[in-house]
Amino acid sequence: MLSRPHPGEAIKLVILDRDGTINHEREDYIKSADEWVPLPGALDAIARLNHAGWHVVVATNQSGIGRGLFDMVSLNAMHAKMNQMLARVGGRVEAVFFCPHPPEDHCPCRKPLPGLFQMIGQRFGCDLEGVPMVGDLPRDVLAAQSVGCEPHLVLTGQAATMSEAELQDLRRRVPDLTIHPDLSAFADFIVLRDRRTHGEDAPVATHMGELT
């Protein structure tokens, strides 16, 4: 069961991108619940974070709405499917924050701008300084950096096609960046570090795979 913070205790919050981080991406956008397919191990990774006391929220650009490719009913159906599948493995996403606008609208909530993250901070009443955020695109980690989040990149989704030179350039732009093979490796990294911080005996994480 997900633990709630005691009065005066800071909430343990993790922010995840959606497409390419939790689920497979499509070049023609994910337009329906049928097209929403989780990446291997991603739902179990979220459940492991939950069981370690972390509250998981999603921050995602969904310009397909603004482009007229799908509507809010379809988006809600995608997230209902995600939550149903998560429930089967004991996981939960607390909330999904999304920007429905295409780039030409210059919406302040569209990553890499910080609007979605500011909404998360307001919703949970917390400072985002040091809050882990993980995504598969430079815009994810740049948005995270802009609000003081701890930036993490997973080499799934679009990041899987980034060259070493592109990754090195991103490391220069985001000096605190940590790179992981996938969401499972990120979850193991966070959970193991948290246990060590609190002086708990930590078993070996079988999915560990941080890249430096």
C-alpha atoms as a PDB file:
ATOM      1  CA  MET A   1       0.000   0.000   0.000  1.00  0.00           C
ATOM      2  CA  LEU A   2       1.224   3.493  -0.835  1.00  0.00           C
ATOM      3  CA  SER A   3       2.311   5.282   2.309  1.00  0.00           C
ATOM      4  CA  ARG A   4       1.181   8.823   3.048  1.00  0.00           C
ATOM      5  CA  PRO A   5       3.616  11.358   4.491  1.00  0.00           C
ATOM      6  CA  HIS A   6       3.299  12.247   8.157  1.00  0.00           C
ATOM      7  CA  PRO A   7       2.469  15.868   9.033  1.00  0.00           C
ATOM      8  CA  GLY A   8       5.522  17.994   8.295  1.00  0.00           C
ATOM      9  CA  GLU A   9       7.157  15.231   6.245  1.00  0.00           C
ATOM     10  CA  ALA A  10       7.945  15.967   2.587  1.00  0.00           C
ATOM     11  CA  ILE A  11       6.049  13.949   0.020  1.00  0.00           C
ATOM     12  CA  LYS A  12       8.126  11.485  -2.005  1.00  0.00           C
ATOM     13  CA  LEU A  13       7.217  12.479  -5.541  1.00  0.00           C
ATOM     14  CA  VAL A  14       8.421  11.139  -8.900  1.00  0.00           C
ATOM     15  CA  ILE A  15       7.440  12.708 -12.236  1.00  0.00           C
ATOM     16  CA  LEU A  16       7.351  10.546 -15.358  1.00  0.00           C
ATOM     17  CA  ASP A  17       6.972  11.340 -19.019  1.00  0.00           C
ATOM     18  CA  ARG A  18       4.464   9.062 -20.756  1.00  0.00           C
ATOM     19  CA  ASP A  19       5.117   8.185 -24.418  1.00  0.00           C
ATOM     20  CA  GLY A  20       8.473   6.497 -24.870  1.00  0.00           C
ATOM     21  CA  THR A  21       8.960   6.202 -21.102  1.00  0.00           C
ATOM     22  CA  ILE A  22       5.954   4.215 -19.881  1.00  0.00           C
ATOM     23  CA  ASN A  23       4.517   3.083 -23.204  1.00  0.00           C
ATOM     24  CA  HIS A  24       5.571   2.540 -26.798  1.00  0.00           C
ATOM     25  CA  GLU A  25       5.505   5.576 -29.083  1.00  0.00           C
ATOM     26  CA  ARG A  26       4.018   5.823 -32.560  1.00  0.00           C
ATOM     27  CA  GLU A  27       5.108   8.200 -35.311  1.00  0.00           C
ATOM     28  CA  ASP A  28       1.445   8.877 -36.089  1.00  0.00           C
ATOM     29  CA  TYR A  29       0.624   9.508 -32.395  1.00  0.00           C
ATOM     30  CA  ILE A  30      -1.176   7.250 -29.957  1.00  0.00           C
ATOM     31  CA  LYS A  31      -4.816   7.966 -30.711  1.00  0.00           C
ATOM     32  CA  SER A  32      -6.773   5.324 -28.810  1.00  0.00           C
ATOM     33  CA  ALA A  33      -6.616   2.986 -25.850  1.00  0.00           C
ATOM     34  CA  ASP A  34      -5.942   0.091 -28.237  1.00  0.00           C
ATOM     35  CA  GLU A  35      -2.791   1.858 -29.437  1.00  0.00           C
ATOM     36  CA  TRP A  36      -1.563   2.454 -25.878  1.00  0.00           C
ATOM     37  CA  VAL A  37       0.862  -0.407 -25.172  1.00  0.00           C
ATOM     38  CA  PRO A  38       3.189  -0.379 -22.126  1.00  0.00           C
ATOM     39  CA  LEU A  39       6.917  -0.886 -22.527  1.00  0.00           C
ATOM     40  CA  PRO A  40       8.289  -4.139 -21.076  1.00  0.00           C
ATOM     41  CA  GLY A  41       8.705  -3.822 -17.309  1.00  0.00           C
ATOM     42  CA  ALA A  42       7.419  -0.252 -17.120  1.00  0.00           C
ATOM     43  CA  LEU A  43       4.270  -0.967 -15.111  1.00  0.00           C
ATOM     44  CA  ASP A  44       6.161  -3.161 -12.659  1.00  0.00           C
ATOM     45  CA  ALA A  45       8.683  -0.330 -12.295  1.00  0.00           C
ATOM     46  CA  ILE A  46       5.932   2.087 -11.283  1.00  0.00           C
ATOM     47  CA  ALA A  47       4.599  -0.471  -8.807  1.00  0.00           C
ATOM     48  CA  ARG A  48       8.058  -0.829  -7.238  1.00  0.00           C
ATOM     49  CA  LEU A  49       8.250   2.933  -6.816  1.00  0.00           C
ATOM     50  CA  ASN A  50       4.801   2.949  -5.211  1.00  0.00           C
ATOM     51  CA  HIS A  51       5.671   0.125  -2.829  1.00  0.00           C
ATOM     52  CA  ALA A  52       8.741   2.086  -1.736  1.00  0.00           C
ATOM     53  CA  GLY A  53       6.496   5.017  -0.804  1.00  0.00           C
ATOM     54  CA  TRP A  54       6.831   7.135  -3.934  1.00  0.00           C
ATOM     55  CA  HIS A  55       3.885   9.033  -5.375  1.00  0.00           C
ATOM     56  CA  VAL A  56       4.039   8.837  -9.179  1.00  0.00           C
ATOM     57  CA  VAL A  57       2.600  11.489 -11.479  1.00  0.00           C
ATOM     58  CA  VAL A  58       2.819  11.882 -15.249  1.00  0.00           C
ATOM     59  CA  ALA A  59       3.651  15.046 -17.208  1.00  0.00           C
ATOM     60  CA  THR A  60       3.057  14.609 -20.933  1.00  0.00           C
ATOM     61  CA  ASN A  61       2.711  16.646 -24.108  1.00  0.00           C
ATOM     62  CA  GLN A  62      -0.392  15.484 -25.990  1.00  0.00           C
ATOM     63  CA  SER A  63      -0.523  17.753 -29.019  1.00  0.00           C
ATOM     64  CA  GLY A  64      -2.595  15.143 -30.874  1.00  0.00           C
ATOM     65  CA  ILE A  65      -5.613  16.737 -29.194  1.00  0.00           C
ATOM     66  CA  GLY A  66      -4.780  20.169 -30.579  1.00  0.00           C
ATOM     67  CA  ARG A  67      -4.068  18.644 -33.982  1.00  0.00           C
ATOM     68  CA  GLY A  68      -7.508  17.014 -34.020  1.00  0.00           C
ATOM     69  CA  LEU A  69      -6.150  13.464 -34.094  1.00  0.00           C
ATOM     70  CA  PHE A  70      -8.030  12.348 -30.972  1.00  0.00           C
ATOM     71  CA  ASP A  71     -10.232  13.860 -28.295  1.00  0.00           C
ATOM     72  CA  MET A  72     -10.429  13.958 -24.515  1.00  0.00           C
ATOM     73  CA  VAL A  73     -12.636  10.866 -24.422  1.00  0.00           C
ATOM     74  CA  SER A  74      -9.867   8.904 -26.169  1.00  0.00           C
ATOM     75  CA  LEU A  75      -7.160  10.348 -23.902  1.00  0.00           C
ATOM     76  CA  ASN A  76      -9.160   9.449 -20.803  1.00  0.00           C
ATOM     77  CA  ALA A  77      -9.630   5.931 -22.163  1.00  0.00           C
ATOM     78  CA  MET A  78      -5.850   5.572 -22.595  1.00  0.00           C
ATOM     79  CA  HIS A  79      -5.250   6.571 -19.000  1.00  0.00           C
ATOM     80  CA  ALA A  80      -8.060   4.360 -17.728  1.00  0.00           C
ATOM     81  CA  LYS A  81      -6.353   1.435 -19.480  1.00  0.00           C
ATOM     82  CA  MET A  82      -3.004   2.427 -17.978  1.00  0.00           C
ATOM     83  CA  ASN A  83      -4.450   2.566 -14.469  1.00  0.00           C
ATOM     84  CA  GLN A  84      -6.305  -0.721 -14.879  1.00  0.00           C
ATOM     85  CA  MET A  85      -3.121  -2.451 -16.000  1.00  0.00           C
ATOM     86  CA  LEU A  86      -1.182  -0.828 -13.161  1.00  0.00           C
ATOM     87  CA  ALA A  87      -3.739  -1.987 -10.605  1.00  0.00           C
ATOM     88  CA  ARG A  88      -3.136  -5.589 -11.683  1.00  0.00           C
ATOM     89  CA  VAL A  89       0.522  -5.314 -10.646  1.00  0.00           C
ATOM     90  CA  GLY A  90      -0.123  -3.224  -7.530  1.00  0.00           C
ATOM     91  CA  GLY A  91       0.813   0.127  -9.033  1.00  0.00           C
ATOM     92  CA  ARG A  92      -0.802   3.520  -9.323  1.00  0.00           C
ATOM     93  CA  VAL A  93      -0.349   6.866 -11.074  1.00  0.00           C
ATOM     94  CA  GLU A  94      -1.708   9.610  -8.841  1.00  0.00           C
ATOM     95  CA  ALA A  95      -2.463  12.087 -11.622  1.00  0.00           C
ATOM     96  CA  VAL A  96      -1.731  12.855 -15.264  1.00  0.00           C
ATOM     97  CA  PHE A  97      -0.848  16.423 -16.225  1.00  0.00           C
ATOM     98  CA  PHE A  98      -0.919  17.088 -19.963  1.00  0.00           C
ATOM     99  CA  CYS A  99      -0.570  19.873 -22.492  1.00  0.00           C
ATOM    100  CA  PRO A 100      -2.984  19.468 -25.443  1.00  0.00           C
ATOM    101  CA  HIS A 101      -1.494  22.218 -27.599  1.00  0.00           C
ATOM    102  CA  PRO A 102       0.703  21.944 -30.722  1.00  0.00           C
ATOM    103  CA  PRO A 103       4.061  23.765 -30.753  1.00  0.00           C
ATOM    104  CA  GLU A 104       2.761  26.720 -32.758  1.00  0.00           C
ATOM    105  CA  ASP A 105       0.443  27.669 -29.894  1.00  0.00           C
ATOM    106  CA  HIS A 106       3.502  28.439 -27.720  1.00  0.00           C
ATOM    107  CA  CYS A 107       1.724  27.112 -24.644  1.00  0.00           C
ATOM    108  CA  PRO A 108       3.749  27.594 -21.427  1.00  0.00           C
ATOM    109  CA  CYS A 109       2.695  24.100 -20.323  1.00  0.00           C
ATOM    110  CA  ARG A 110       4.284  22.372 -23.324  1.00  0.00           C
ATOM    111  CA  LYS A 111       7.630  20.808 -22.396  1.00  0.00           C
ATOM    112  CA  PRO A 112      10.413  22.005 -22.398  1.00  0.00           C
ATOM    113  CA  LEU A 113       8.610  24.980 -20.814  1.00  0.00           C
ATOM    114  CA  PRO A 114       7.872  24.515 -17.094  1.00  0.00           C
ATOM    115  CA  GLY A 115       4.092  24.981 -16.923  1.00  0.00           C
ATOM    116  CA  LEU A 116       3.145  21.343 -16.313  1.00  0.00           C
ATOM    117  CA  PHE A 117       5.722  21.052 -13.545  1.00  0.00           C
ATOM    118  CA  GLN A 118       4.525  24.230 -11.885  1.00  0.00           C
ATOM    119  CA  MET A 119       0.998  22.789 -11.919  1.00  0.00           C
ATOM    120  CA  ILE A 120       2.291  19.623 -10.240  1.00  0.00           C
ATOM    121  CA  GLY A 121       4.032  21.625  -7.537  1.00  0.00           C
ATOM    122  CA  GLN A 122       0.847  23.597  -6.873  1.00  0.00           C
ATOM    123  CA  ARG A 123      -1.344  20.475  -6.860  1.00  0.00           C
ATOM    124  CA  PHE A 124       0.839  18.654  -4.336  1.00  0.00           C
ATOM    125  CA  GLY A 125       1.857  21.750  -2.395  1.00  0.00           C
ATOM    126  CA  CYS A 126       5.549  21.009  -2.665  1.00  0.00           C
ATOM    127  CA  ASP A 127       8.805  22.471  -3.884  1.00  0.00           C
ATOM    128  CA  LEU A 128      10.062  20.505  -6.906  1.00  0.00           C
ATOM    129  CA  GLU A 129      13.728  21.057  -6.035  1.00  0.00           C
ATOM    130  CA  GLY A 130      15.383  17.644  -6.215  1.00  0.00           C
ATOM    131  CA  VAL A 131      12.223  15.768  -7.279  1.00  0.00           C
ATOM    132  CA  PRO A 132      13.265  12.982  -9.693  1.00  0.00           C
ATOM    133  CA  MET A 133      11.879  13.356 -13.209  1.00  0.00           C
ATOM    134  CA  VAL A 134      12.445  10.880 -16.028  1.00  0.00           C
ATOM    135  CA  GLY A 135      11.707  11.025 -19.742  1.00  0.00           C
ATOM    136  CA  ASP A 136      13.009   9.899 -23.115  1.00  0.00           C
ATOM    137  CA  LEU A 137      13.540  13.292 -24.755  1.00  0.00           C
ATOM    138  CA  PRO A 138      15.818  16.289 -24.250  1.00  0.00           C
ATOM    139  CA  ARG A 139      12.740  18.464 -23.727  1.00  0.00           C
ATOM    140  CA  ASP A 140      11.772  16.310 -20.733  1.00  0.00           C
ATOM    141  CA  VAL A 141      15.039  16.782 -18.896  1.00  0.00           C
ATOM    142  CA  LEU A 142      15.326  20.441 -19.911  1.00  0.00           C
ATOM    143  CA  ALA A 143      11.875  21.089 -18.442  1.00  0.00           C
ATOM    144  CA  ALA A 144      12.896  19.189 -15.313  1.00  0.00           C
ATOM    145  CA  GLN A 145      16.072  21.211 -14.999  1.00  0.00           C
ATOM    146  CA  SER A 146      14.181  24.505 -15.358  1.00  0.00           C
ATOM    147  CA  VAL A 147      12.235  23.882 -12.133  1.00  0.00           C
ATOM    148  CA  GLY A 148      15.044  22.282 -10.138  1.00  0.00           C
ATOM    149  CA  CYS A 149      13.961  18.665 -10.571  1.00  0.00           C
ATOM    150  CA  GLU A 150      16.571  15.913 -10.644  1.00  0.00           C
ATOM    151  CA  PRO A 151      16.774  15.009 -14.368  1.00  0.00           C
ATOM    152  CA  HIS A 152      16.878  11.407 -15.624  1.00  0.00           C
ATOM    153  CA  LEU A 153      16.826  10.106 -19.195  1.00  0.00           C
ATOM    154  CA  VAL A 154      15.783   6.605 -20.263  1.00  0.00           C
ATOM    155  CA  LEU A 155      17.121   5.140 -23.504  1.00  0.00           C
ATOM    156  CA  THR A 156      13.707   4.018 -24.679  1.00  0.00           C
ATOM    157  CA  GLY A 157      11.350   5.823 -27.032  1.00  0.00           C
ATOM    158  CA  GLN A 158      13.103   8.516 -29.041  1.00  0.00           C
ATOM    159  CA  ALA A 159      16.205   8.514 -26.850  1.00  0.00           C
ATOM    160  CA  ALA A 160      16.962   5.008 -28.143  1.00  0.00           C
ATOM    161  CA  THR A 161      17.956   6.590 -31.473  1.00  0.00           C
ATOM    162  CA  MET A 162      20.182   9.329 -30.016  1.00  0.00           C
ATOM    163  CA  SER A 163      23.843   9.105 -30.972  1.00  0.00           C
ATOM    164  CA  GLU A 164      26.636   9.206 -28.419  1.00  0.00           C
ATOM    165  CA  ALA A 165      27.477  12.717 -29.612  1.00  0.00           C
ATOM    166  CA  GLU A 166      23.878  13.816 -28.998  1.00  0.00           C
ATOM    167  CA  LEU A 167      23.917  12.264 -25.544  1.00  0.00           C
ATOM    168  CA  GLN A 168      27.197  13.991 -24.702  1.00  0.00           C
ATOM    169  CA  ASP A 169      25.749  17.305 -25.881  1.00  0.00           C
ATOM    170  CA  LEU A 170      22.708  16.773 -23.657  1.00  0.00           C
ATOM    171  CA  ARG A 171      24.976  15.991 -20.705  1.00  0.00           C
ATOM    172  CA  ARG A 172      26.720  19.326 -21.269  1.00  0.00           C
ATOM    173  CA  ARG A 173      23.380  21.141 -21.323  1.00  0.00           C
ATOM    174  CA  VAL A 174      22.070  19.243 -18.301  1.00  0.00           C
ATOM    175  CA  PRO A 175      25.124  18.596 -16.084  1.00  0.00           C
ATOM    176  CA  ASP A 176      23.179  16.694 -13.406  1.00  0.00           C
ATOM    177  CA  LEU A 177      21.652  14.270 -15.905  1.00  0.00           C
ATOM    178  CA  THR A 178      21.612  10.549 -15.102  1.00  0.00           C
ATOM    179  CA  ILE A 179      20.939   8.097 -17.936  1.00  0.00           C
ATOM    180  CA  HIS A 180      19.325   4.673 -17.552  1.00  0.00           C
ATOM    181  CA  PRO A 181      18.496   1.915 -20.040  1.00  0.00           C
ATOM    182  CA  ASP A 182      14.779   1.957 -19.185  1.00  0.00           C
ATOM    183  CA  LEU A 183      12.199   2.738 -16.519  1.00  0.00           C
ATOM    184  CA  SER A 184      12.951  -0.475 -14.617  1.00  0.00           C
ATOM    185  CA  ALA A 185      16.577   0.571 -14.189  1.00  0.00           C
ATOM    186  CA  PHE A 186      15.487   4.067 -13.113  1.00  0.00           C
ATOM    187  CA  ALA A 187      13.100   2.638 -10.512  1.00  0.00           C
ATOM    188  CA  ASP A 188      15.774   0.332  -9.091  1.00  0.00           C
ATOM    189  CA  PHE A 189      18.244   3.230  -8.927  1.00  0.00           C
ATOM    190  CA  ILE A 190      15.789   5.452  -7.029  1.00  0.00           C
ATOM    191  CA  VAL A 191      14.572   2.755  -4.645  1.00  0.00           C
ATOM    192  CA  LEU A 192      18.064   1.485  -3.839  1.00  0.00           C
ATOM    193  CA  ARG A 193      19.414   4.998  -3.272  1.00  0.00           C
ATOM    194  CA  ASP A 194      16.480   5.812  -1.011  1.00  0.00           C
ATOM    195  CA  ARG A 195      17.050   2.690   1.079  1.00  0.00           C
ATOM    196  CA  ARG A 196      20.753   3.470   1.424  1.00  0.00           C
ATOM    197  CA  THR A 197      19.963   7.050   2.415  1.00  0.00           C
ATOM    198  CA  HIS A 198      17.769   5.762   5.237  1.00  0.00           C
ATOM    199  CA  GLY A 199      20.325   3.193   6.315  1.00  0.00           C
ATOM    200  CA  GLU A 200      18.255   0.184   5.335  1.00  0.00           C
ATOM    201  CA  ASP A 201      19.694  -3.085   4.118  1.00  0.00           C
ATOM    202  CA  ALA A 202      19.293  -3.011   0.349  1.00  0.00           C
ATOM    203  CA  PRO A 203      19.074  -6.194  -1.724  1.00  0.00           C
ATOM    204  CA  VAL A 204      20.766  -6.251  -5.110  1.00  0.00           C
ATOM    205  CA  ALA A 205      18.472  -4.723  -7.740  1.00  0.00           C
ATOM    206  CA  THR A 206      18.213  -7.131 -10.624  1.00  0.00           C
ATOM    207  CA  HIS A 207      17.253  -4.414 -13.115  1.00  0.00           C
ATOM    208  CA  MET A 208      20.004  -1.977 -12.135  1.00  0.00           C
ATOM    209  CA  GLY A 209      21.699  -0.439 -15.133  1.00  0.00           C
ATOM    210  CA  GLU A 210      22.617   3.190 -14.620  1.00  0.00           C
ATOM    211  CA  LEU A 211      24.736   4.633 -17.411  1.00  0.00           C
ATOM    212  CA  THR A 212      27.227   7.365 -16.650  1.00  0.00           C
END
